[in-house]
């Protein structure tokens, strides 16, 4: 990810849920047509720089100010998205077996 984009995204983010910014507004402020580059920069900021950025579907993106905020976001990710990803995995695996039942699989 472009270091300048990461810096620009970080400058647009504020601390706390009350100061969250939507992906659409973030993209507009960055002069982008969509939030794809901002999302990629946010992932890098979390992974590479250790900045606890939360993406809340009802509020937008913000930097966590407390451990409790992070814990709440992690619970949502685990409980909602984890279940959704597992279902996708399960159904894709089932579809694979249906379509390719005669072929050997590595999984």
PDB file of N, CA and C in Angstrom:
ATOM      1  N   UNK A   1       0.851  -1.185   0.000  1.00  0.00           N
ATOM      2  CA  UNK A   1       0.000   0.000   0.000  1.00  0.00           C
ATOM      3  C   UNK A   1       0.886   1.233   0.000  1.00  0.00           C
ATOM      4  N   UNK A   2       0.459   2.207  -0.742  1.00  0.00           N
ATOM      5  CA  UNK A   2       1.139   3.493  -0.860  1.00  0.00           C
ATOM      6  C   UNK A   2       1.189   4.172   0.517  1.00  0.00           C
ATOM      7  N   UNK A   3       2.400   4.529   0.958  1.00  0.00           N
ATOM      8  CA  UNK A   3       2.569   5.157   2.271  1.00  0.00           C
ATOM      9  C   UNK A   3       1.811   6.473   2.371  1.00  0.00           C
ATOM     10  N   UNK A   4       1.757   7.237   1.282  1.00  0.00           N
ATOM     11  CA  UNK A   4       1.025   8.499   1.288  1.00  0.00           C
ATOM     12  C   UNK A   4      -0.465   8.273   1.524  1.00  0.00           C
ATOM     13  N   UNK A   5      -1.023   7.231   0.909  1.00  0.00           N
ATOM     14  CA  UNK A   5      -2.444   6.925   1.097  1.00  0.00           C
ATOM     15  C   UNK A   5      -2.700   6.554   2.555  1.00  0.00           C
ATOM     16  N   UNK A   6      -1.822   5.753   3.138  1.00  0.00           N
ATOM     17  CA  UNK A   6      -1.976   5.394   4.552  1.00  0.00           C
ATOM     18  C   UNK A   6      -1.955   6.643   5.424  1.00  0.00           C
ATOM     19  N   UNK A   7      -1.032   7.538   5.146  1.00  0.00           N
ATOM     20  CA  UNK A   7      -0.924   8.767   5.927  1.00  0.00           C
ATOM     21  C   UNK A   7      -2.178   9.616   5.778  1.00  0.00           C
ATOM     22  N   UNK A   8      -2.664   9.740   4.546  1.00  0.00           N
ATOM     23  CA  UNK A   8      -3.877  10.527   4.308  1.00  0.00           C
ATOM     24  C   UNK A   8      -5.080   9.928   5.037  1.00  0.00           C
ATOM     25  N   UNK A   9      -5.214   8.611   4.965  1.00  0.00           N
ATOM     26  CA  UNK A   9      -6.329   7.945   5.645  1.00  0.00           C
ATOM     27  C   UNK A   9      -6.225   8.165   7.144  1.00  0.00           C
ATOM     28  N   UNK A  10      -5.041   7.977   7.689  1.00  0.00           N
ATOM     29  CA  UNK A  10      -4.854   8.149   9.130  1.00  0.00           C
ATOM     30  C   UNK A  10      -5.215   9.564   9.564  1.00  0.00           C
ATOM     31  N   UNK A  11      -4.891  10.551   8.761  1.00  0.00           N
ATOM     32  CA  UNK A  11      -5.220  11.943   9.096  1.00  0.00           C
ATOM     33  C   UNK A  11      -6.723  12.206   9.073  1.00  0.00           C
ATOM     34  N   UNK A  12      -7.453  11.412   8.312  1.00  0.00           N
ATOM     35  CA  UNK A  12      -8.907  11.589   8.227  1.00  0.00           C
ATOM     36  C   UNK A  12      -9.657  10.896   9.360  1.00  0.00           C
ATOM     37  N   UNK A  13      -9.011   9.931   9.999  1.00  0.00           N
ATOM     38  CA  UNK A  13      -9.672   9.168  11.059  1.00  0.00           C
ATOM     39  C   UNK A  13      -9.531   9.864  12.399  1.00  0.00           C
ATOM     40  N   UNK A  14     -10.577   9.760  13.194  1.00  0.00           N
ATOM     41  CA  UNK A  14     -10.564  10.333  14.543  1.00  0.00           C
ATOM     42  C   UNK A  14     -10.764   9.229  15.557  1.00  0.00           C
ATOM     43  N   UNK A  15     -10.533   9.561  16.800  1.00  0.00           N
ATOM     44  CA  UNK A  15     -10.723   8.593  17.873  1.00  0.00           C
ATOM     45  C   UNK A  15     -12.175   8.596  18.341  1.00  0.00           C
ATOM     46  N   UNK A  16     -12.673   7.395  18.629  1.00  0.00           N
ATOM     47  CA  UNK A  16     -14.000   7.245  19.218  1.00  0.00           C
ATOM     48  C   UNK A  16     -15.125   7.095  18.217  1.00  0.00           C
ATOM     49  N   UNK A  17     -16.092   6.285  18.589  1.00  0.00           N
ATOM     50  CA  UNK A  17     -17.244   5.988  17.744  1.00  0.00           C
ATOM     51  C   UNK A  17     -18.021   7.243  17.356  1.00  0.00           C
ATOM     52  N   UNK A  18     -18.113   8.206  18.258  1.00  0.00           N
ATOM     53  CA  UNK A  18     -18.857   9.439  17.974  1.00  0.00           C
ATOM     54  C   UNK A  18     -18.218  10.257  16.847  1.00  0.00           C
ATOM     55  N   UNK A  19     -16.963   9.964  16.533  1.00  0.00           N
ATOM     56  CA  UNK A  19     -16.250  10.699  15.492  1.00  0.00           C
ATOM     57  C   UNK A  19     -15.986   9.837  14.259  1.00  0.00           C
ATOM     58  N   UNK A  20     -16.744   8.759  14.115  1.00  0.00           N
ATOM     59  CA  UNK A  20     -16.562   7.843  12.985  1.00  0.00           C
ATOM     60  C   UNK A  20     -16.861   8.544  11.665  1.00  0.00           C
ATOM     61  N   UNK A  21     -16.215   8.061  10.614  1.00  0.00           N
ATOM     62  CA  UNK A  21     -16.412   8.601   9.272  1.00  0.00           C
ATOM     63  C   UNK A  21     -16.787   7.451   8.343  1.00  0.00           C
ATOM     64  N   UNK A  22     -17.808   7.664   7.544  1.00  0.00           N
ATOM     65  CA  UNK A  22     -18.255   6.601   6.634  1.00  0.00           C
ATOM     66  C   UNK A  22     -17.226   6.389   5.529  1.00  0.00           C
ATOM     67  N   UNK A  23     -17.244   5.202   4.953  1.00  0.00           N
ATOM     68  CA  UNK A  23     -16.341   4.899   3.846  1.00  0.00           C
ATOM     69  C   UNK A  23     -16.566   5.814   2.665  1.00  0.00           C
ATOM     70  N   UNK A  24     -17.810   6.165   2.412  1.00  0.00           N
ATOM     71  CA  UNK A  24     -18.144   7.050   1.285  1.00  0.00           C
ATOM     72  C   UNK A  24     -17.540   8.437   1.481  1.00  0.00           C
ATOM     73  N   UNK A  25     -17.707   8.984   2.672  1.00  0.00           N
ATOM     74  CA  UNK A  25     -17.152  10.314   2.949  1.00  0.00           C
ATOM     75  C   UNK A  25     -15.628  10.269   2.961  1.00  0.00           C
ATOM     76  N   UNK A  26     -15.075   9.211   3.525  1.00  0.00           N
ATOM     77  CA  UNK A  26     -13.623   9.047   3.543  1.00  0.00           C
ATOM     78  C   UNK A  26     -13.086   9.042   2.111  1.00  0.00           C
ATOM     79  N   UNK A  27     -13.727   8.283   1.231  1.00  0.00           N
ATOM     80  CA  UNK A  27     -13.295   8.237  -0.173  1.00  0.00           C
ATOM     81  C   UNK A  27     -13.387   9.617  -0.819  1.00  0.00           C
ATOM     82  N   UNK A  28     -14.469  10.337  -0.562  1.00  0.00           N
ATOM     83  CA  UNK A  28     -14.631  11.676  -1.135  1.00  0.00           C
ATOM     84  C   UNK A  28     -13.509  12.603  -0.669  1.00  0.00           C
ATOM     85  N   UNK A  29     -13.205  12.557   0.607  1.00  0.00           N
ATOM     86  CA  UNK A  29     -12.140  13.420   1.142  1.00  0.00           C
ATOM     87  C   UNK A  29     -10.777  13.082   0.557  1.00  0.00           C
ATOM     88  N   UNK A  30     -10.611  11.824   0.174  1.00  0.00           N
ATOM     89  CA  UNK A  30      -9.336  11.391  -0.400  1.00  0.00           C
ATOM     90  C   UNK A  30      -9.299  11.565  -1.915  1.00  0.00           C
ATOM     91  N   UNK A  31     -10.414  12.023  -2.478  1.00  0.00           N
ATOM     92  CA  UNK A  31     -10.484  12.208  -3.924  1.00  0.00           C
ATOM     93  C   UNK A  31     -10.600  10.903  -4.685  1.00  0.00           C
ATOM     94  N   UNK A  32     -11.184   9.896  -4.049  1.00  0.00           N
ATOM     95  CA  UNK A  32     -11.340   8.579  -4.656  1.00  0.00           C
ATOM     96  C   UNK A  32     -12.801   8.359  -5.042  1.00  0.00           C
ATOM     97  N   UNK A  33     -13.043   7.529  -6.062  1.00  0.00           N
ATOM     98  CA  UNK A  33     -14.416   7.267  -6.488  1.00  0.00           C
ATOM     99  C   UNK A  33     -15.130   6.249  -5.598  1.00  0.00           C
ATOM    100  N   UNK A  34     -14.365   5.426  -4.893  1.00  0.00           N
ATOM    101  CA  UNK A  34     -14.946   4.479  -3.945  1.00  0.00           C
ATOM    102  C   UNK A  34     -13.976   4.290  -2.779  1.00  0.00           C
ATOM    103  N   UNK A  35     -14.385   3.484  -1.815  1.00  0.00           N
ATOM    104  CA  UNK A  35     -13.581   3.355  -0.592  1.00  0.00           C
ATOM    105  C   UNK A  35     -12.560   2.216  -0.637  1.00  0.00           C
ATOM    106  N   UNK A  36     -12.364   1.610  -1.784  1.00  0.00           N
ATOM    107  CA  UNK A  36     -11.457   0.458  -1.883  1.00  0.00           C
ATOM    108  C   UNK A  36     -10.046   0.781  -1.387  1.00  0.00           C
ATOM    109  N   UNK A  37      -9.464   1.857  -1.882  1.00  0.00           N
ATOM    110  CA  UNK A  37      -8.096   2.208  -1.480  1.00  0.00           C
ATOM    111  C   UNK A  37      -8.027   2.558   0.007  1.00  0.00           C
ATOM    112  N   UNK A  38      -9.052   3.219   0.506  1.00  0.00           N
ATOM    113  CA  UNK A  38      -9.095   3.553   1.930  1.00  0.00           C
ATOM    114  C   UNK A  38      -9.161   2.276   2.768  1.00  0.00           C
ATOM    115  N   UNK A  39      -9.981   1.326   2.343  1.00  0.00           N
ATOM    116  CA  UNK A  39     -10.092   0.061   3.090  1.00  0.00           C
ATOM    117  C   UNK A  39      -8.759  -0.683   3.112  1.00  0.00           C
ATOM    118  N   UNK A  40      -8.073  -0.704   1.971  1.00  0.00           N
ATOM    119  CA  UNK A  40      -6.765  -1.367   1.916  1.00  0.00           C
ATOM    120  C   UNK A  40      -5.756  -0.652   2.819  1.00  0.00           C
ATOM    121  N   UNK A  41      -5.801   0.671   2.829  1.00  0.00           N
ATOM    122  CA  UNK A  41      -4.911   1.436   3.706  1.00  0.00           C
ATOM    123  C   UNK A  41      -5.232   1.149   5.168  1.00  0.00           C
ATOM    124  N   UNK A  42      -6.506   1.041   5.490  1.00  0.00           N
ATOM    125  CA  UNK A  42      -6.912   0.749   6.867  1.00  0.00           C
ATOM    126  C   UNK A  42      -6.402  -0.620   7.292  1.00  0.00           C
ATOM    127  N   UNK A  43      -6.494  -1.600   6.410  1.00  0.00           N
ATOM    128  CA  UNK A  43      -5.965  -2.932   6.731  1.00  0.00           C
ATOM    129  C   UNK A  43      -4.474  -2.841   7.024  1.00  0.00           C
ATOM    130  N   UNK A  44      -3.734  -2.120   6.182  1.00  0.00           N
ATOM    131  CA  UNK A  44      -2.289  -1.953   6.413  1.00  0.00           C
ATOM    132  C   UNK A  44      -2.010  -1.230   7.730  1.00  0.00           C
ATOM    133  N   UNK A  45      -2.793  -0.204   8.024  1.00  0.00           N
ATOM    134  CA  UNK A  45      -2.596   0.528   9.278  1.00  0.00           C
ATOM    135  C   UNK A  45      -2.824  -0.378  10.490  1.00  0.00           C
ATOM    136  N   UNK A  46      -3.772  -1.282  10.379  1.00  0.00           N
ATOM    137  CA  UNK A  46      -4.026  -2.219  11.476  1.00  0.00           C
ATOM    138  C   UNK A  46      -2.905  -3.256  11.561  1.00  0.00           C
ATOM    139  N   UNK A  47      -2.622  -3.897  10.433  1.00  0.00           N
ATOM    140  CA  UNK A  47      -1.673  -5.017  10.413  1.00  0.00           C
ATOM    141  C   UNK A  47      -0.230  -4.556  10.597  1.00  0.00           C
ATOM    142  N   UNK A  48       0.192  -3.574   9.820  1.00  0.00           N
ATOM    143  CA  UNK A  48       1.596  -3.167   9.829  1.00  0.00           C
ATOM    144  C   UNK A  48       1.936  -2.170  10.933  1.00  0.00           C
ATOM    145  N   UNK A  49       0.996  -1.294  11.256  1.00  0.00           N
ATOM    146  CA  UNK A  49       1.289  -0.224  12.201  1.00  0.00           C
ATOM    147  C   UNK A  49       0.648  -0.421  13.575  1.00  0.00           C
ATOM    148  N   UNK A  50      -0.210  -1.436  13.686  1.00  0.00           N
ATOM    149  CA  UNK A  50      -0.818  -1.736  14.979  1.00  0.00           C
ATOM    150  C   UNK A  50      -1.801  -0.687  15.477  1.00  0.00           C
ATOM    151  N   UNK A  51      -2.447   0.016  14.562  1.00  0.00           N
ATOM    152  CA  UNK A  51      -3.418   1.036  14.953  1.00  0.00           C
ATOM    153  C   UNK A  51      -4.799   0.381  15.030  1.00  0.00           C
ATOM    154  N   UNK A  52      -5.461   0.453  16.175  1.00  0.00           N
ATOM    155  CA  UNK A  52      -6.747  -0.245  16.346  1.00  0.00           C
ATOM    156  C   UNK A  52      -7.908   0.516  15.698  1.00  0.00           C
ATOM    157  N   UNK A  53      -8.033   0.335  14.385  1.00  0.00           N
ATOM    158  CA  UNK A  53      -9.095   1.006  13.629  1.00  0.00           C
ATOM    159  C   UNK A  53     -10.292   0.064  13.554  1.00  0.00           C
ATOM    160  N   UNK A  54     -11.441   0.600  13.894  1.00  0.00           N
ATOM    161  CA  UNK A  54     -12.668  -0.188  13.888  1.00  0.00           C
ATOM    162  C   UNK A  54     -13.539   0.277  12.729  1.00  0.00           C
ATOM    163  N   UNK A  55     -14.081  -0.672  12.004  1.00  0.00           N
ATOM    164  CA  UNK A  55     -15.049  -0.393  10.949  1.00  0.00           C
ATOM    165  C   UNK A  55     -16.411  -0.851  11.427  1.00  0.00           C
ATOM    166  N   UNK A  56     -17.237   0.079  11.787  1.00  0.00           N
ATOM    167  CA  UNK A  56     -18.571  -0.206  12.319  1.00  0.00           C
ATOM    168  C   UNK A  56     -19.578   0.077  11.217  1.00  0.00           C
ATOM    169  N   UNK A  57     -20.332  -0.933  10.806  1.00  0.00           N
ATOM    170  CA  UNK A  57     -21.244  -0.761   9.673  1.00  0.00           C
ATOM    171  C   UNK A  57     -22.296   0.312   9.913  1.00  0.00           C
ATOM    172  N   UNK A  58     -22.618   0.595  11.140  1.00  0.00           N
ATOM    173  CA  UNK A  58     -23.616   1.615  11.425  1.00  0.00           C
ATOM    174  C   UNK A  58     -23.055   3.013  11.580  1.00  0.00           C
ATOM    175  N   UNK A  59     -21.751   3.114  11.781  1.00  0.00           N
ATOM    176  CA  UNK A  59     -21.154   4.426  12.048  1.00  0.00           C
ATOM    177  C   UNK A  59     -20.041   4.798  11.078  1.00  0.00           C
ATOM    178  N   UNK A  60     -19.183   3.872  10.779  1.00  0.00           N
ATOM    179  CA  UNK A  60     -18.046   4.135   9.908  1.00  0.00           C
ATOM    180  C   UNK A  60     -16.745   3.702  10.555  1.00  0.00           C
ATOM    181  N   UNK A  61     -15.669   4.342  10.147  1.00  0.00           N
ATOM    182  CA  UNK A  61     -14.332   4.004  10.632  1.00  0.00           C
ATOM    183  C   UNK A  61     -13.889   4.982  11.709  1.00  0.00           C
ATOM    184  N   UNK A  62     -13.237   4.437  12.731  1.00  0.00           N
ATOM    185  CA  UNK A  62     -12.692   5.280  13.788  1.00  0.00           C
ATOM    186  C   UNK A  62     -11.585   4.526  14.505  1.00  0.00           C
ATOM    187  N   UNK A  63     -10.774   5.270  15.232  1.00  0.00           N
ATOM    188  CA  UNK A  63      -9.693   4.672  16.011  1.00  0.00           C
ATOM    189  C   UNK A  63     -10.225   4.405  17.411  1.00  0.00           C
ATOM    190  N   UNK A  64     -10.050   3.187  17.866  1.00  0.00           N
ATOM    191  CA  UNK A  64     -10.531   2.808  19.198  1.00  0.00           C
ATOM    192  C   UNK A  64      -9.788   3.598  20.264  1.00  0.00           C
ATOM    193  N   UNK A  65     -10.529   3.969  21.301  1.00  0.00           N
ATOM    194  CA  UNK A  65      -9.916   4.706  22.409  1.00  0.00           C
ATOM    195  C   UNK A  65      -9.760   3.838  23.649  1.00  0.00           C
ATOM    196  N   UNK A  66     -10.467   2.714  23.682  1.00  0.00           N
ATOM    197  CA  UNK A  66     -10.379   1.835  24.851  1.00  0.00           C
ATOM    198  C   UNK A  66     -10.288   0.371  24.410  1.00  0.00           C
ATOM    199  N   UNK A  67      -9.800  -0.421  25.313  1.00  0.00           N
ATOM    200  CA  UNK A  67      -9.761  -1.865  25.075  1.00  0.00           C
ATOM    201  C   UNK A  67     -11.174  -2.409  24.906  1.00  0.00           C
ATOM    202  N   UNK A  68     -12.123  -1.864  25.668  1.00  0.00           N
ATOM    203  CA  UNK A  68     -13.515  -2.317  25.591  1.00  0.00           C
ATOM    204  C   UNK A  68     -14.092  -2.095  24.190  1.00  0.00           C
ATOM    205  N   UNK A  69     -13.752  -0.966  23.556  1.00  0.00           N
ATOM    206  CA  UNK A  69     -14.211  -0.723  22.181  1.00  0.00           C
ATOM    207  C   UNK A  69     -13.678  -1.803  21.246  1.00  0.00           C
ATOM    208  N   UNK A  70     -12.415  -2.133  21.399  1.00  0.00           N
ATOM    209  CA  UNK A  70     -11.815  -3.180  20.570  1.00  0.00           C
ATOM    210  C   UNK A  70     -12.474  -4.529  20.847  1.00  0.00           C
ATOM    211  N   UNK A  71     -12.682  -4.825  22.115  1.00  0.00           N
ATOM    212  CA  UNK A  71     -13.306  -6.099  22.481  1.00  0.00           C
ATOM    213  C   UNK A  71     -14.689  -6.238  21.864  1.00  0.00           C
ATOM    214  N   UNK A  72     -15.454  -5.157  21.898  1.00  0.00           N
ATOM    215  CA  UNK A  72     -16.803  -5.177  21.327  1.00  0.00           C
ATOM    216  C   UNK A  72     -16.734  -5.422  19.815  1.00  0.00           C
ATOM    217  N   UNK A  73     -15.827  -4.738  19.142  1.00  0.00           N
ATOM    218  CA  UNK A  73     -15.670  -4.915  17.699  1.00  0.00           C
ATOM    219  C   UNK A  73     -15.208  -6.328  17.357  1.00  0.00           C
ATOM    220  N   UNK A  74     -14.294  -6.865  18.161  1.00  0.00           N
ATOM    221  CA  UNK A  74     -13.820  -8.232  17.936  1.00  0.00           C
ATOM    222  C   UNK A  74     -14.951  -9.244  18.111  1.00  0.00           C
ATOM    223  N   UNK A  75     -15.807  -9.009  19.086  1.00  0.00           N
ATOM    224  CA  UNK A  75     -16.940  -9.908  19.309  1.00  0.00           C
ATOM    225  C   UNK A  75     -17.881  -9.894  18.111  1.00  0.00           C
ATOM    226  N   UNK A  76     -18.150  -8.705  17.575  1.00  0.00           N
ATOM    227  CA  UNK A  76     -19.013  -8.606  16.393  1.00  0.00           C
ATOM    228  C   UNK A  76     -18.377  -9.344  15.225  1.00  0.00           C
ATOM    229  N   UNK A  77     -17.084  -9.139  15.018  1.00  0.00           N
ATOM    230  CA  UNK A  77     -16.396  -9.817  13.921  1.00  0.00           C
ATOM    231  C   UNK A  77     -16.464 -11.331  14.085  1.00  0.00           C
ATOM    232  N   UNK A  78     -16.205 -11.797  15.281  1.00  0.00           N
ATOM    233  CA  UNK A  78     -16.221 -13.237  15.529  1.00  0.00           C
ATOM    234  C   UNK A  78     -17.616 -13.813  15.390  1.00  0.00           C
ATOM    235  N   UNK A  79     -18.588 -13.168  16.024  1.00  0.00           N
ATOM    236  CA  UNK A  79     -19.934 -13.720  16.068  1.00  0.00           C
ATOM    237  C   UNK A  79     -20.696 -13.563  14.759  1.00  0.00           C
ATOM    238  N   UNK A  80     -20.554 -12.451  14.109  1.00  0.00           N
ATOM    239  CA  UNK A  80     -21.316 -12.207  12.883  1.00  0.00           C
ATOM    240  C   UNK A  80     -20.552 -12.636  11.641  1.00  0.00           C
ATOM    241  N   UNK A  81     -19.396 -12.021  11.445  1.00  0.00           N
ATOM    242  CA  UNK A  81     -18.646 -12.301  10.234  1.00  0.00           C
ATOM    243  C   UNK A  81     -18.045 -13.694  10.248  1.00  0.00           C
ATOM    244  N   UNK A  82     -17.635 -14.161  11.416  1.00  0.00           N
ATOM    245  CA  UNK A  82     -17.086 -15.512  11.515  1.00  0.00           C
ATOM    246  C   UNK A  82     -18.107 -16.549  11.108  1.00  0.00           C
ATOM    247  N   UNK A  83     -19.319 -16.378  11.573  1.00  0.00           N
ATOM    248  CA  UNK A  83     -20.405 -17.291  11.212  1.00  0.00           C
ATOM    249  C   UNK A  83     -20.678 -17.202   9.717  1.00  0.00           C
ATOM    250  N   UNK A  84     -20.731 -15.961   9.201  1.00  0.00           N
ATOM    251  CA  UNK A  84     -21.000 -15.766   7.779  1.00  0.00           C
ATOM    252  C   UNK A  84     -19.901 -16.421   6.925  1.00  0.00           C
ATOM    253  N   UNK A  85     -18.644 -16.235   7.304  1.00  0.00           N
ATOM    254  CA  UNK A  85     -17.550 -16.839   6.546  1.00  0.00           C
ATOM    255  C   UNK A  85     -17.595 -18.359   6.618  1.00  0.00           C
ATOM    256  N   UNK A  86     -17.916 -18.893   7.794  1.00  0.00           N
ATOM    257  CA  UNK A  86     -18.001 -20.344   7.916  1.00  0.00           C
ATOM    258  C   UNK A  86     -19.117 -20.896   7.033  1.00  0.00           C
ATOM    259  N   UNK A  87     -20.257 -20.210   7.013  1.00  0.00           N
ATOM    260  CA  UNK A  87     -21.361 -20.664   6.149  1.00  0.00           C
ATOM    261  C   UNK A  87     -20.940 -20.641   4.693  1.00  0.00           C
ATOM    262  N   UNK A  88     -20.276 -19.578   4.282  1.00  0.00           N
ATOM    263  CA  UNK A  88     -19.806 -19.489   2.899  1.00  0.00           C
ATOM    264  C   UNK A  88     -18.853 -20.649   2.606  1.00  0.00           C
ATOM    265  N   UNK A  89     -17.936 -20.904   3.520  1.00  0.00           N
ATOM    266  CA  UNK A  89     -17.000 -22.014   3.371  1.00  0.00           C
ATOM    267  C   UNK A  89     -17.755 -23.331   3.219  1.00  0.00           C
ATOM    268  N   UNK A  90     -18.702 -23.554   4.107  1.00  0.00           N
ATOM    269  CA  UNK A  90     -19.459 -24.803   4.113  1.00  0.00           C
ATOM    270  C   UNK A  90     -20.249 -24.982   2.815  1.00  0.00           C
ATOM    271  N   UNK A  91     -20.933 -23.925   2.360  1.00  0.00           N
ATOM    272  CA  UNK A  91     -21.741 -24.033   1.147  1.00  0.00           C
ATOM    273  C   UNK A  91     -20.887 -24.149  -0.108  1.00  0.00           C
ATOM    274  N   UNK A  92     -19.758 -23.453  -0.120  1.00  0.00           N
ATOM    275  CA  UNK A  92     -18.856 -23.575  -1.259  1.00  0.00           C
ATOM    276  C   UNK A  92     -18.275 -24.979  -1.324  1.00  0.00           C
ATOM    277  N   UNK A  93     -17.925 -25.522  -0.191  1.00  0.00           N
ATOM    278  CA  UNK A  93     -17.399 -26.886  -0.144  1.00  0.00           C
ATOM    279  C   UNK A  93     -18.452 -27.875  -0.645  1.00  0.00           C
ATOM    280  N   UNK A  94     -19.692 -27.687  -0.231  1.00  0.00           N
ATOM    281  CA  UNK A  94     -20.798 -28.543  -0.667  1.00  0.00           C
ATOM    282  C   UNK A  94     -20.995 -28.421  -2.182  1.00  0.00           C
ATOM    283  N   UNK A  95     -20.951 -27.200  -2.711  1.00  0.00           N
ATOM    284  CA  UNK A  95     -21.116 -26.987  -4.145  1.00  0.00           C
ATOM    285  C   UNK A  95     -19.963 -27.613  -4.924  1.00  0.00           C
ATOM    286  N   UNK A  96     -18.764 -27.505  -4.361  1.00  0.00           N
ATOM    287  CA  UNK A  96     -17.595 -28.119  -5.006  1.00  0.00           C
ATOM    288  C   UNK A  96     -17.795 -29.614  -5.126  1.00  0.00           C
ATOM    289  N   UNK A  97     -18.271 -30.238  -4.040  1.00  0.00           N
ATOM    290  CA  UNK A  97     -18.479 -31.685  -4.053  1.00  0.00           C
ATOM    291  C   UNK A  97     -19.552 -32.078  -5.067  1.00  0.00           C
ATOM    292  N   UNK A  98     -20.582 -31.267  -5.147  1.00  0.00           N
ATOM    293  CA  UNK A  98     -21.668 -31.554  -6.083  1.00  0.00           C
ATOM    294  C   UNK A  98     -21.173 -31.463  -7.528  1.00  0.00           C
ATOM    295  N   UNK A  99     -20.422 -30.423  -7.831  1.00  0.00           N
ATOM    296  CA  UNK A  99     -19.960 -30.207  -9.208  1.00  0.00           C
ATOM    297  C   UNK A  99     -18.783 -31.093  -9.592  1.00  0.00           C
ATOM    298  N   UNK A 100     -17.866 -31.309  -8.646  1.00  0.00           N
ATOM    299  CA  UNK A 100     -16.632 -32.027  -8.964  1.00  0.00           C
ATOM    300  C   UNK A 100     -16.499 -33.332  -8.193  1.00  0.00           C
ATOM    301  N   UNK A 101     -17.577 -34.018  -7.983  1.00  0.00           N
ATOM    302  CA  UNK A 101     -17.573 -35.213  -7.123  1.00  0.00           C
ATOM    303  C   UNK A 101     -16.655 -36.318  -7.611  1.00  0.00           C
ATOM    304  N   UNK A 102     -16.377 -36.395  -8.909  1.00  0.00           N
ATOM    305  CA  UNK A 102     -15.516 -37.452  -9.415  1.00  0.00           C
ATOM    306  C   UNK A 102     -14.037 -37.112  -9.397  1.00  0.00           C
ATOM    307  N   UNK A 103     -13.694 -35.888  -9.025  1.00  0.00           N
ATOM    308  CA  UNK A 103     -12.295 -35.464  -9.046  1.00  0.00           C
ATOM    309  C   UNK A 103     -11.696 -35.522  -7.632  1.00  0.00           C
ATOM    310  N   UNK A 104     -10.389 -35.763  -7.583  1.00  0.00           N
ATOM    311  CA  UNK A 104      -9.701 -35.777  -6.296  1.00  0.00           C
ATOM    312  C   UNK A 104      -9.584 -34.355  -5.756  1.00  0.00           C
ATOM    313  N   UNK A 105      -9.608 -34.239  -4.434  1.00  0.00           N
ATOM    314  CA  UNK A 105      -9.498 -32.942  -3.787  1.00  0.00           C
ATOM    315  C   UNK A 105      -8.320 -32.913  -2.846  1.00  0.00           C
ATOM    316  N   UNK A 106      -7.746 -31.735  -2.669  1.00  0.00           N
ATOM    317  CA  UNK A 106      -6.617 -31.573  -1.753  1.00  0.00           C
ATOM    318  C   UNK A 106      -7.099 -31.243  -0.345  1.00  0.00           C
ATOM    319  N   UNK A 107      -8.423 -30.992  -0.140  1.00  0.00           N
ATOM    320  CA  UNK A 107      -8.946 -30.621   1.173  1.00  0.00           C
ATOM    321  C   UNK A 107      -9.705 -31.751   1.792  1.00  0.00           C
TER     322      UNK A 107
END
